[in-house]
Amino acid sequence: MPSVLDWFLPYVERLTTRPPDAIDLVVIHCTELPDLASAREFGERAHYASGTGNSGHYYIDRDGHCYRFVPEARVAHHTRGYNERSIGIELVNRGRWPHWLDSRHKAMSEPYTAAQIEALLVLLRDLQARLPNLRGIAGHEDLDRTRVPASDDPAQQVWRKRDPGPLFPWDAVLADRPWRRIGTADAPR
């Protein structure tokens, strides 16, 4: 296993369990927050009656350090409709922060670091070796195609999710694995 620091969320024991063979998908996200501390704070917030919140399984900081917030055997809340079958990997990146739904601020201009991508590739190789049914990969933007009213002008519709965004190096990530990218990645953004 790659160098991963377990930093489990306080409610992790309340998350539903699942067997490893139930996992067939990896979903790539970016935090759309300024730093790992902000992502951790967001992940610790309870949003559901169960006392659990929204988070990925893994977080990769800009320096390449990798943290596990939720074990693979638990269902993390990271992508509506896909949680039970997927592993969520979050890359620390500002994305559209702090103007997530503002129609005037849709650009995602922060590049991912070489250290992040290398750590991601190591993690993906490890997951591929340990999870026998892992066959697909997607960006959050591929699976959540919801459009919502813009925060600056409710008459305009904007994409709710755009991560990991246009600067994510899909070619490098898909180069050495037999997975297929699922979703509707070819839809205009």
N, C-alpha and C. Protein backbone atom coordinates (compact mmCIF):
# COMPACT_ATOMS: atom_id res chain seq x y z
N MET A 1 0.85 -1.19 0.00
CA MET A 1 0.00 0.00 0.00
C MET A 1 0.89 1.24 0.00
N PRO A 2 0.49 2.27 -0.76
CA PRO A 2 1.28 3.51 -0.76
C PRO A 2 1.26 4.15 0.63
N SER A 3 2.09 5.14 0.80
CA SER A 3 2.15 5.85 2.08
C SER A 3 0.87 6.67 2.25
N VAL A 4 0.00 6.18 3.12
CA VAL A 4 -1.28 6.82 3.38
C VAL A 4 -1.42 6.99 4.88
N LEU A 5 -1.76 8.18 5.30
CA LEU A 5 -2.00 8.44 6.72
C LEU A 5 -3.49 8.30 7.00
N ASP A 6 -3.84 7.38 7.92
CA ASP A 6 -5.24 7.26 8.31
C ASP A 6 -5.60 8.42 9.22
N TRP A 7 -6.60 9.18 8.82
CA TRP A 7 -7.08 10.34 9.57
C TRP A 7 -8.61 10.29 9.50
N PHE A 8 -9.14 9.22 10.10
CA PHE A 8 -10.55 8.93 9.96
C PHE A 8 -11.44 10.02 10.54
N LEU A 9 -12.56 10.25 9.86
CA LEU A 9 -13.54 11.22 10.32
C LEU A 9 -14.18 10.71 11.62
N PRO A 10 -14.62 11.62 12.48
CA PRO A 10 -15.15 11.21 13.79
C PRO A 10 -16.39 10.31 13.70
N TYR A 11 -17.13 10.38 12.63
CA TYR A 11 -18.35 9.59 12.49
C TYR A 11 -18.17 8.33 11.64
N VAL A 12 -16.94 7.96 11.33
CA VAL A 12 -16.70 6.88 10.38
C VAL A 12 -17.40 5.57 10.75
N GLU A 13 -17.53 5.27 12.02
CA GLU A 13 -18.18 4.03 12.46
C GLU A 13 -19.68 4.03 12.18
N ARG A 14 -20.26 5.19 11.92
CA ARG A 14 -21.69 5.29 11.61
C ARG A 14 -21.99 5.09 10.12
N LEU A 15 -20.96 5.10 9.30
CA LEU A 15 -21.15 4.91 7.86
C LEU A 15 -21.45 3.45 7.56
N THR A 16 -22.29 3.22 6.57
CA THR A 16 -22.67 1.87 6.16
C THR A 16 -21.44 1.08 5.72
N THR A 17 -21.42 -0.21 6.03
CA THR A 17 -20.32 -1.07 5.58
C THR A 17 -20.69 -1.75 4.27
N ARG A 18 -19.65 -2.24 3.58
CA ARG A 18 -19.85 -2.96 2.32
C ARG A 18 -18.65 -3.88 2.10
N PRO A 19 -18.83 -4.96 1.33
CA PRO A 19 -17.70 -5.84 1.03
C PRO A 19 -16.84 -5.24 -0.09
N PRO A 20 -15.56 -5.61 -0.15
CA PRO A 20 -14.68 -5.06 -1.21
C PRO A 20 -15.18 -5.35 -2.62
N ASP A 21 -15.85 -6.49 -2.83
CA ASP A 21 -16.28 -6.81 -4.18
C ASP A 21 -17.48 -5.97 -4.65
N ALA A 22 -18.04 -5.15 -3.77
CA ALA A 22 -19.11 -4.23 -4.16
C ALA A 22 -18.57 -2.98 -4.85
N ILE A 23 -17.27 -2.77 -4.78
CA ILE A 23 -16.65 -1.55 -5.32
C ILE A 23 -16.18 -1.80 -6.74
N ASP A 24 -16.75 -1.04 -7.69
CA ASP A 24 -16.34 -1.20 -9.09
C ASP A 24 -15.97 0.12 -9.77
N LEU A 25 -15.91 1.20 -8.98
CA LEU A 25 -15.73 2.53 -9.56
C LEU A 25 -14.91 3.43 -8.64
N VAL A 26 -14.05 4.23 -9.24
CA VAL A 26 -13.34 5.31 -8.56
C VAL A 26 -13.87 6.62 -9.11
N VAL A 27 -14.19 7.56 -8.21
CA VAL A 27 -14.64 8.89 -8.63
C VAL A 27 -13.59 9.90 -8.19
N ILE A 28 -13.09 10.67 -9.15
CA ILE A 28 -12.09 11.70 -8.88
C ILE A 28 -12.79 13.04 -8.67
N HIS A 29 -12.39 13.70 -7.60
CA HIS A 29 -12.95 15.00 -7.22
C HIS A 29 -11.81 16.00 -7.01
N CYS A 30 -12.15 17.27 -6.95
CA CYS A 30 -11.26 18.23 -6.33
C CYS A 30 -12.05 18.87 -5.20
N THR A 31 -11.36 19.29 -4.17
CA THR A 31 -12.03 19.78 -2.97
C THR A 31 -12.78 21.08 -3.20
N GLU A 32 -12.32 21.89 -4.14
CA GLU A 32 -12.86 23.23 -4.37
C GLU A 32 -12.84 24.05 -3.08
N LEU A 33 -11.76 23.87 -2.34
CA LEU A 33 -11.50 24.61 -1.10
C LEU A 33 -10.04 25.02 -1.11
N PRO A 34 -9.65 25.99 -0.28
CA PRO A 34 -8.28 26.51 -0.37
C PRO A 34 -7.19 25.56 0.12
N ASP A 35 -7.52 24.64 1.05
CA ASP A 35 -6.46 23.80 1.61
C ASP A 35 -7.05 22.54 2.26
N LEU A 36 -6.16 21.66 2.69
CA LEU A 36 -6.59 20.41 3.31
C LEU A 36 -7.34 20.65 4.61
N ALA A 37 -6.93 21.64 5.39
CA ALA A 37 -7.61 21.92 6.66
C ALA A 37 -9.08 22.29 6.42
N SER A 38 -9.35 23.07 5.40
CA SER A 38 -10.74 23.43 5.06
C SER A 38 -11.53 22.20 4.62
N ALA A 39 -10.87 21.33 3.85
CA ALA A 39 -11.54 20.10 3.41
C ALA A 39 -11.86 19.21 4.60
N ARG A 40 -10.94 19.12 5.54
CA ARG A 40 -11.18 18.32 6.73
C ARG A 40 -12.35 18.89 7.54
N GLU A 41 -12.34 20.19 7.73
CA GLU A 41 -13.42 20.84 8.47
C GLU A 41 -14.77 20.57 7.81
N PHE A 42 -14.83 20.67 6.49
CA PHE A 42 -16.07 20.40 5.77
C PHE A 42 -16.47 18.93 5.94
N GLY A 43 -15.51 18.01 5.84
CA GLY A 43 -15.81 16.59 5.98
C GLY A 43 -16.32 16.20 7.35
N GLU A 44 -15.91 16.94 8.38
CA GLU A 44 -16.34 16.62 9.74
C GLU A 44 -17.76 17.08 10.04
N ARG A 45 -18.31 17.96 9.23
CA ARG A 45 -19.66 18.47 9.47
C ARG A 45 -20.71 17.39 9.22
N ALA A 46 -21.62 17.24 10.16
CA ALA A 46 -22.72 16.29 9.99
C ALA A 46 -23.82 16.96 9.16
N HIS A 47 -24.25 16.26 8.11
CA HIS A 47 -25.30 16.77 7.22
C HIS A 47 -26.55 15.88 7.24
N TYR A 48 -26.43 14.71 7.85
CA TYR A 48 -27.51 13.73 7.79
C TYR A 48 -27.97 13.34 9.19
N ALA A 49 -29.19 12.82 9.28
CA ALA A 49 -29.75 12.40 10.57
C ALA A 49 -28.88 11.35 11.25
N SER A 50 -28.13 10.59 10.47
CA SER A 50 -27.25 9.56 11.02
C SER A 50 -26.04 10.15 11.74
N GLY A 51 -25.86 11.46 11.63
CA GLY A 51 -24.69 12.11 12.22
C GLY A 51 -23.47 12.04 11.33
N THR A 52 -23.65 11.70 10.06
CA THR A 52 -22.54 11.63 9.11
C THR A 52 -22.58 12.82 8.17
N GLY A 53 -21.51 12.97 7.38
CA GLY A 53 -21.42 14.10 6.47
C GLY A 53 -20.93 13.70 5.10
N ASN A 54 -20.47 14.68 4.34
CA ASN A 54 -19.98 14.48 2.98
C ASN A 54 -18.45 14.46 2.97
N SER A 55 -17.90 13.43 2.34
CA SER A 55 -16.44 13.36 2.20
C SER A 55 -16.08 12.27 1.21
N GLY A 56 -14.83 12.32 0.77
CA GLY A 56 -14.28 11.23 -0.01
C GLY A 56 -13.63 10.23 0.92
N HIS A 57 -13.09 9.17 0.33
CA HIS A 57 -12.32 8.20 1.10
C HIS A 57 -10.88 8.69 1.29
N TYR A 58 -10.30 9.19 0.21
CA TYR A 58 -8.91 9.63 0.21
C TYR A 58 -8.81 11.10 -0.17
N TYR A 59 -7.81 11.77 0.41
CA TYR A 59 -7.50 13.17 0.09
C TYR A 59 -6.02 13.25 -0.23
N ILE A 60 -5.68 13.86 -1.35
CA ILE A 60 -4.29 14.03 -1.73
C ILE A 60 -3.98 15.52 -1.75
N ASP A 61 -3.07 15.91 -0.86
CA ASP A 61 -2.71 17.33 -0.74
C ASP A 61 -1.77 17.72 -1.88
N ARG A 62 -1.55 19.00 -2.04
CA ARG A 62 -0.72 19.51 -3.13
C ARG A 62 0.71 18.97 -3.09
N ASP A 63 1.20 18.66 -1.89
CA ASP A 63 2.57 18.14 -1.76
C ASP A 63 2.65 16.63 -1.99
N GLY A 64 1.51 15.99 -2.30
CA GLY A 64 1.49 14.56 -2.58
C GLY A 64 1.16 13.69 -1.38
N HIS A 65 1.07 14.26 -0.19
CA HIS A 65 0.70 13.46 0.97
C HIS A 65 -0.75 13.00 0.82
N CYS A 66 -0.97 11.74 1.17
CA CYS A 66 -2.28 11.12 0.99
C CYS A 66 -2.86 10.75 2.35
N TYR A 67 -4.13 11.09 2.55
CA TYR A 67 -4.82 10.85 3.82
C TYR A 67 -6.09 10.05 3.54
N ARG A 68 -6.35 9.07 4.41
CA ARG A 68 -7.59 8.29 4.30
C ARG A 68 -8.54 8.78 5.38
N PHE A 69 -9.65 9.40 4.95
CA PHE A 69 -10.68 9.88 5.88
C PHE A 69 -11.70 8.79 6.18
N VAL A 70 -11.91 7.88 5.22
CA VAL A 70 -12.92 6.82 5.35
C VAL A 70 -12.32 5.53 4.78
N PRO A 71 -12.38 4.41 5.52
CA PRO A 71 -11.88 3.14 4.98
C PRO A 71 -12.74 2.68 3.80
N GLU A 72 -12.14 1.91 2.88
CA GLU A 72 -12.88 1.43 1.70
C GLU A 72 -14.11 0.60 2.09
N ALA A 73 -14.06 -0.07 3.23
CA ALA A 73 -15.17 -0.92 3.66
C ALA A 73 -16.39 -0.13 4.12
N ARG A 74 -16.28 1.19 4.14
CA ARG A 74 -17.39 2.07 4.53
C ARG A 74 -17.83 2.90 3.31
N VAL A 75 -19.11 3.20 3.26
CA VAL A 75 -19.68 4.01 2.17
C VAL A 75 -19.55 5.48 2.55
N ALA A 76 -18.74 6.22 1.82
CA ALA A 76 -18.60 7.66 2.03
C ALA A 76 -19.60 8.38 1.13
N HIS A 77 -20.05 9.54 1.57
CA HIS A 77 -21.01 10.36 0.80
C HIS A 77 -20.23 11.37 -0.04
N HIS A 78 -19.99 11.02 -1.33
CA HIS A 78 -19.21 11.91 -2.18
C HIS A 78 -19.83 12.15 -3.55
N THR A 79 -20.67 11.23 -4.05
CA THR A 79 -21.30 11.40 -5.36
C THR A 79 -22.70 10.79 -5.32
N ARG A 80 -23.70 11.63 -5.42
CA ARG A 80 -25.09 11.14 -5.36
C ARG A 80 -25.32 10.01 -6.36
N GLY A 81 -25.90 8.91 -5.85
CA GLY A 81 -26.26 7.79 -6.70
C GLY A 81 -25.15 6.78 -6.95
N TYR A 82 -23.94 7.06 -6.51
CA TYR A 82 -22.80 6.18 -6.80
C TYR A 82 -22.02 5.78 -5.55
N ASN A 83 -22.41 6.26 -4.40
CA ASN A 83 -21.63 6.04 -3.18
C ASN A 83 -21.43 4.58 -2.83
N GLU A 84 -22.48 3.77 -2.94
CA GLU A 84 -22.41 2.38 -2.50
C GLU A 84 -21.40 1.56 -3.28
N ARG A 85 -21.09 1.97 -4.51
CA ARG A 85 -20.22 1.18 -5.37
C ARG A 85 -18.86 1.83 -5.66
N SER A 86 -18.58 2.95 -5.03
CA SER A 86 -17.38 3.69 -5.44
C SER A 86 -16.47 4.11 -4.30
N ILE A 87 -15.24 4.42 -4.70
CA ILE A 87 -14.24 5.05 -3.84
C ILE A 87 -14.12 6.49 -4.31
N GLY A 88 -14.20 7.45 -3.39
CA GLY A 88 -14.04 8.86 -3.73
C GLY A 88 -12.63 9.33 -3.39
N ILE A 89 -11.96 9.92 -4.37
CA ILE A 89 -10.62 10.47 -4.17
C ILE A 89 -10.67 11.97 -4.42
N GLU A 90 -10.32 12.73 -3.41
CA GLU A 90 -10.34 14.20 -3.48
C GLU A 90 -8.92 14.73 -3.62
N LEU A 91 -8.70 15.59 -4.60
CA LEU A 91 -7.42 16.28 -4.77
C LEU A 91 -7.60 17.71 -4.26
N VAL A 92 -6.73 18.12 -3.36
CA VAL A 92 -6.84 19.49 -2.83
C VAL A 92 -6.56 20.46 -3.97
N ASN A 93 -7.55 21.30 -4.25
CA ASN A 93 -7.48 22.24 -5.36
C ASN A 93 -8.60 23.25 -5.17
N ARG A 94 -8.29 24.51 -5.45
CA ARG A 94 -9.28 25.58 -5.22
C ARG A 94 -10.50 25.47 -6.13
N GLY A 95 -10.35 24.88 -7.29
CA GLY A 95 -11.50 24.79 -8.19
C GLY A 95 -12.14 26.14 -8.42
N ARG A 96 -13.39 26.27 -8.11
CA ARG A 96 -14.12 27.54 -8.27
C ARG A 96 -14.24 28.30 -6.96
N TRP A 97 -13.59 27.86 -5.92
CA TRP A 97 -13.70 28.47 -4.59
C TRP A 97 -13.36 29.95 -4.64
N PRO A 98 -14.09 30.80 -3.97
CA PRO A 98 -15.29 30.59 -3.17
C PRO A 98 -16.59 30.89 -3.92
N HIS A 99 -16.52 30.91 -5.23
CA HIS A 99 -17.68 31.31 -6.05
C HIS A 99 -18.25 30.10 -6.80
N TRP A 100 -18.52 29.01 -6.11
CA TRP A 100 -18.88 27.75 -6.73
C TRP A 100 -19.97 27.87 -7.77
N LEU A 101 -21.01 28.59 -7.48
CA LEU A 101 -22.16 28.62 -8.39
C LEU A 101 -22.38 29.98 -9.04
N ASP A 102 -21.41 30.86 -8.98
CA ASP A 102 -21.50 32.18 -9.59
C ASP A 102 -21.20 32.04 -11.08
N SER A 103 -22.12 32.50 -11.93
CA SER A 103 -21.94 32.34 -13.38
C SER A 103 -20.75 33.12 -13.92
N ARG A 104 -20.27 34.09 -13.18
CA ARG A 104 -19.12 34.91 -13.63
C ARG A 104 -17.78 34.30 -13.23
N HIS A 105 -17.80 33.23 -12.47
CA HIS A 105 -16.57 32.63 -11.94
C HIS A 105 -16.58 31.12 -12.16
N LYS A 106 -16.64 30.68 -13.39
CA LYS A 106 -16.72 29.25 -13.68
C LYS A 106 -15.37 28.62 -14.00
N ALA A 107 -14.34 29.43 -14.20
CA ALA A 107 -13.03 28.89 -14.56
C ALA A 107 -12.42 28.13 -13.39
N MET A 108 -11.75 27.04 -13.72
CA MET A 108 -10.99 26.28 -12.74
C MET A 108 -9.54 26.36 -13.22
N SER A 109 -8.78 27.28 -12.65
CA SER A 109 -7.48 27.60 -13.22
C SER A 109 -6.27 27.07 -12.44
N GLU A 110 -6.47 26.47 -11.28
CA GLU A 110 -5.33 25.95 -10.53
C GLU A 110 -4.93 24.58 -11.08
N PRO A 111 -3.69 24.46 -11.56
CA PRO A 111 -3.25 23.15 -12.05
C PRO A 111 -3.01 22.18 -10.88
N TYR A 112 -3.15 20.91 -11.17
CA TYR A 112 -2.79 19.89 -10.18
C TYR A 112 -1.28 19.76 -10.17
N THR A 113 -0.71 19.49 -9.01
CA THR A 113 0.74 19.40 -8.91
C THR A 113 1.22 18.03 -9.38
N ALA A 114 2.47 17.98 -9.81
CA ALA A 114 3.08 16.71 -10.21
C ALA A 114 3.07 15.73 -9.04
N ALA A 115 3.31 16.23 -7.82
CA ALA A 115 3.30 15.36 -6.64
C ALA A 115 1.91 14.77 -6.41
N GLN A 116 0.86 15.55 -6.61
CA GLN A 116 -0.52 15.04 -6.46
C GLN A 116 -0.80 13.93 -7.47
N ILE A 117 -0.45 14.17 -8.70
CA ILE A 117 -0.75 13.19 -9.75
C ILE A 117 0.06 11.92 -9.54
N GLU A 118 1.31 12.04 -9.15
CA GLU A 118 2.11 10.84 -8.87
C GLU A 118 1.51 10.05 -7.70
N ALA A 119 1.10 10.75 -6.64
CA ALA A 119 0.47 10.07 -5.50
C ALA A 119 -0.84 9.42 -5.93
N LEU A 120 -1.60 10.08 -6.78
CA LEU A 120 -2.85 9.51 -7.28
C LEU A 120 -2.58 8.23 -8.07
N LEU A 121 -1.58 8.24 -8.93
CA LEU A 121 -1.26 7.06 -9.72
C LEU A 121 -0.85 5.89 -8.84
N VAL A 122 -0.07 6.16 -7.81
CA VAL A 122 0.33 5.11 -6.86
C VAL A 122 -0.90 4.56 -6.15
N LEU A 123 -1.78 5.44 -5.69
CA LEU A 123 -3.00 5.01 -5.00
C LEU A 123 -3.89 4.19 -5.94
N LEU A 124 -4.06 4.62 -7.17
CA LEU A 124 -4.90 3.88 -8.11
C LEU A 124 -4.34 2.49 -8.39
N ARG A 125 -3.02 2.37 -8.52
CA ARG A 125 -2.41 1.05 -8.72
C ARG A 125 -2.69 0.14 -7.53
N ASP A 126 -2.60 0.70 -6.33
CA ASP A 126 -2.87 -0.07 -5.13
C ASP A 126 -4.34 -0.52 -5.08
N LEU A 127 -5.25 0.39 -5.34
CA LEU A 127 -6.68 0.05 -5.33
C LEU A 127 -6.98 -1.03 -6.37
N GLN A 128 -6.37 -0.90 -7.54
CA GLN A 128 -6.57 -1.87 -8.61
C GLN A 128 -6.11 -3.26 -8.17
N ALA A 129 -5.03 -3.34 -7.42
CA ALA A 129 -4.51 -4.62 -6.95
C ALA A 129 -5.37 -5.23 -5.84
N ARG A 130 -5.98 -4.38 -5.02
CA ARG A 130 -6.73 -4.88 -3.86
C ARG A 130 -8.22 -5.05 -4.07
N LEU A 131 -8.80 -4.37 -5.04
CA LEU A 131 -10.25 -4.41 -5.24
C LEU A 131 -10.55 -5.14 -6.56
N PRO A 132 -10.96 -6.40 -6.48
CA PRO A 132 -11.04 -7.25 -7.67
C PRO A 132 -12.04 -6.80 -8.73
N ASN A 133 -13.08 -6.09 -8.36
CA ASN A 133 -14.10 -5.70 -9.34
C ASN A 133 -13.97 -4.26 -9.83
N LEU A 134 -12.90 -3.59 -9.47
CA LEU A 134 -12.71 -2.20 -9.89
C LEU A 134 -12.48 -2.16 -11.40
N ARG A 135 -13.41 -1.52 -12.11
CA ARG A 135 -13.35 -1.49 -13.58
C ARG A 135 -13.54 -0.11 -14.18
N GLY A 136 -14.11 0.83 -13.42
CA GLY A 136 -14.43 2.12 -13.99
C GLY A 136 -13.86 3.27 -13.20
N ILE A 137 -13.74 4.40 -13.86
CA ILE A 137 -13.27 5.63 -13.24
C ILE A 137 -14.08 6.77 -13.85
N ALA A 138 -14.32 7.79 -13.05
CA ALA A 138 -15.09 8.94 -13.54
C ALA A 138 -14.68 10.17 -12.76
N GLY A 139 -14.92 11.31 -13.36
CA GLY A 139 -14.84 12.56 -12.64
C GLY A 139 -16.21 12.84 -12.03
N HIS A 140 -16.24 13.60 -10.96
CA HIS A 140 -17.52 13.97 -10.35
C HIS A 140 -18.41 14.63 -11.41
N GLU A 141 -17.80 15.44 -12.26
CA GLU A 141 -18.52 16.14 -13.32
C GLU A 141 -19.16 15.18 -14.33
N ASP A 142 -18.62 13.97 -14.45
CA ASP A 142 -19.18 12.98 -15.38
C ASP A 142 -20.47 12.38 -14.84
N LEU A 143 -20.61 12.34 -13.51
CA LEU A 143 -21.72 11.62 -12.89
C LEU A 143 -22.81 12.53 -12.35
N ASP A 144 -22.46 13.72 -11.94
CA ASP A 144 -23.46 14.67 -11.44
C ASP A 144 -23.64 15.74 -12.51
N ARG A 145 -24.65 15.57 -13.33
CA ARG A 145 -24.91 16.45 -14.47
C ARG A 145 -26.00 17.48 -14.16
N THR A 146 -26.21 17.74 -12.88
CA THR A 146 -27.26 18.66 -12.45
C THR A 146 -26.88 20.11 -12.75
N ARG A 147 -27.84 20.84 -13.28
CA ARG A 147 -27.69 22.29 -13.45
C ARG A 147 -28.59 22.95 -12.42
N VAL A 148 -28.09 24.03 -11.84
CA VAL A 148 -28.81 24.74 -10.77
C VAL A 148 -28.80 26.24 -11.07
N PRO A 149 -29.70 27.00 -10.44
CA PRO A 149 -29.66 28.45 -10.62
C PRO A 149 -28.34 29.04 -10.13
N ALA A 150 -27.80 29.97 -10.89
CA ALA A 150 -26.55 30.63 -10.50
C ALA A 150 -26.77 31.48 -9.26
N SER A 151 -25.78 31.54 -8.41
CA SER A 151 -25.90 32.32 -7.17
C SER A 151 -25.99 33.82 -7.44
N ASP A 152 -25.42 34.29 -8.54
CA ASP A 152 -25.45 35.71 -8.86
C ASP A 152 -26.66 36.09 -9.70
N ASP A 153 -27.27 35.12 -10.38
CA ASP A 153 -28.40 35.39 -11.25
C ASP A 153 -29.23 34.11 -11.39
N PRO A 154 -30.25 33.95 -10.56
CA PRO A 154 -31.04 32.72 -10.57
C PRO A 154 -31.69 32.40 -11.91
N ALA A 155 -31.73 33.35 -12.83
CA ALA A 155 -32.29 33.09 -14.15
C ALA A 155 -31.32 32.27 -15.01
N GLN A 156 -30.05 32.25 -14.63
CA GLN A 156 -29.04 31.47 -15.35
C GLN A 156 -28.83 30.13 -14.66
N GLN A 157 -28.57 29.11 -15.47
CA GLN A 157 -28.28 27.77 -14.95
C GLN A 157 -26.77 27.51 -15.07
N VAL A 158 -26.19 26.94 -14.03
CA VAL A 158 -24.77 26.57 -14.03
C VAL A 158 -24.65 25.11 -13.60
N TRP A 159 -23.52 24.49 -13.94
CA TRP A 159 -23.27 23.12 -13.52
C TRP A 159 -23.02 23.11 -12.02
N ARG A 160 -23.69 22.19 -11.32
CA ARG A 160 -23.49 22.05 -9.88
C ARG A 160 -22.08 21.53 -9.58
N LYS A 161 -21.61 20.57 -10.36
CA LYS A 161 -20.27 19.99 -10.17
C LYS A 161 -19.47 20.10 -11.44
N ARG A 162 -18.21 20.48 -11.30
CA ARG A 162 -17.30 20.58 -12.46
C ARG A 162 -15.99 19.88 -12.20
N ASP A 163 -15.86 19.22 -11.07
CA ASP A 163 -14.58 18.62 -10.70
C ASP A 163 -14.42 17.20 -11.25
N PRO A 164 -13.19 16.85 -11.58
CA PRO A 164 -11.95 17.54 -11.26
C PRO A 164 -11.61 18.68 -12.21
N GLY A 165 -12.38 18.86 -13.28
CA GLY A 165 -12.21 20.03 -14.13
C GLY A 165 -11.29 19.84 -15.32
N PRO A 166 -11.17 20.90 -16.11
CA PRO A 166 -10.45 20.83 -17.39
C PRO A 166 -8.94 20.65 -17.28
N LEU A 167 -8.35 20.93 -16.13
CA LEU A 167 -6.90 20.79 -16.00
C LEU A 167 -6.47 19.42 -15.47
N PHE A 168 -7.43 18.54 -15.22
CA PHE A 168 -7.09 17.22 -14.72
C PHE A 168 -6.51 16.38 -15.87
N PRO A 169 -5.37 15.71 -15.65
CA PRO A 169 -4.67 14.98 -16.72
C PRO A 169 -5.23 13.57 -16.95
N TRP A 170 -6.40 13.48 -17.56
CA TRP A 170 -7.03 12.18 -17.77
C TRP A 170 -6.15 11.22 -18.56
N ASP A 171 -5.46 11.69 -19.58
CA ASP A 171 -4.62 10.79 -20.39
C ASP A 171 -3.58 10.08 -19.54
N ALA A 172 -2.91 10.82 -18.66
CA ALA A 172 -1.89 10.22 -17.80
C ALA A 172 -2.51 9.24 -16.81
N VAL A 173 -3.67 9.56 -16.29
CA VAL A 173 -4.31 8.70 -15.29
C VAL A 173 -4.82 7.40 -15.92
N LEU A 174 -5.32 7.47 -17.14
CA LEU A 174 -5.86 6.28 -17.79
C LEU A 174 -4.81 5.46 -18.53
N ALA A 175 -3.61 6.00 -18.70
CA ALA A 175 -2.60 5.37 -19.55
C ALA A 175 -2.24 3.94 -19.16
N ASP A 176 -2.11 3.64 -17.89
CA ASP A 176 -1.62 2.32 -17.52
C ASP A 176 -2.65 1.46 -16.78
N ARG A 177 -3.91 1.71 -17.03
CA ARG A 177 -4.92 0.85 -16.37
C ARG A 177 -6.02 0.47 -17.36
N PRO A 178 -6.60 -0.68 -17.13
CA PRO A 178 -7.61 -1.19 -18.06
C PRO A 178 -9.02 -0.67 -17.78
N TRP A 179 -9.15 0.35 -17.01
CA TRP A 179 -10.47 0.87 -16.65
C TRP A 179 -11.02 1.73 -17.78
N ARG A 180 -12.33 1.85 -17.78
CA ARG A 180 -12.94 2.77 -18.73
C ARG A 180 -13.51 3.96 -17.96
N ARG A 181 -13.46 5.10 -18.58
CA ARG A 181 -14.05 6.30 -17.98
C ARG A 181 -15.53 6.28 -18.27
N ILE A 182 -16.34 6.38 -17.24
CA ILE A 182 -17.78 6.32 -17.41
C ILE A 182 -18.39 7.70 -17.25
N GLY A 183 -19.63 7.83 -17.65
CA GLY A 183 -20.33 9.10 -17.53
C GLY A 183 -20.44 9.80 -18.86
N THR A 184 -20.76 11.06 -18.80
CA THR A 184 -20.96 11.84 -20.01
C THR A 184 -19.91 12.93 -20.11
N ALA A 185 -18.66 12.51 -20.13
CA ALA A 185 -17.55 13.46 -20.15
C ALA A 185 -17.51 14.33 -21.39
N ASP A 186 -18.14 13.86 -22.46
CA ASP A 186 -18.07 14.61 -23.71
C ASP A 186 -19.13 15.71 -23.80
N ALA A 187 -19.95 15.86 -22.79
CA ALA A 187 -20.96 16.93 -22.81
C ALA A 187 -20.28 18.29 -22.72
N PRO A 188 -20.78 19.28 -23.42
CA PRO A 188 -20.15 20.61 -23.36
C PRO A 188 -20.21 21.20 -21.97
N ARG A 189 -19.18 21.92 -21.62
CA ARG A 189 -19.07 22.56 -20.30
C ARG A 189 -18.94 24.04 -20.47
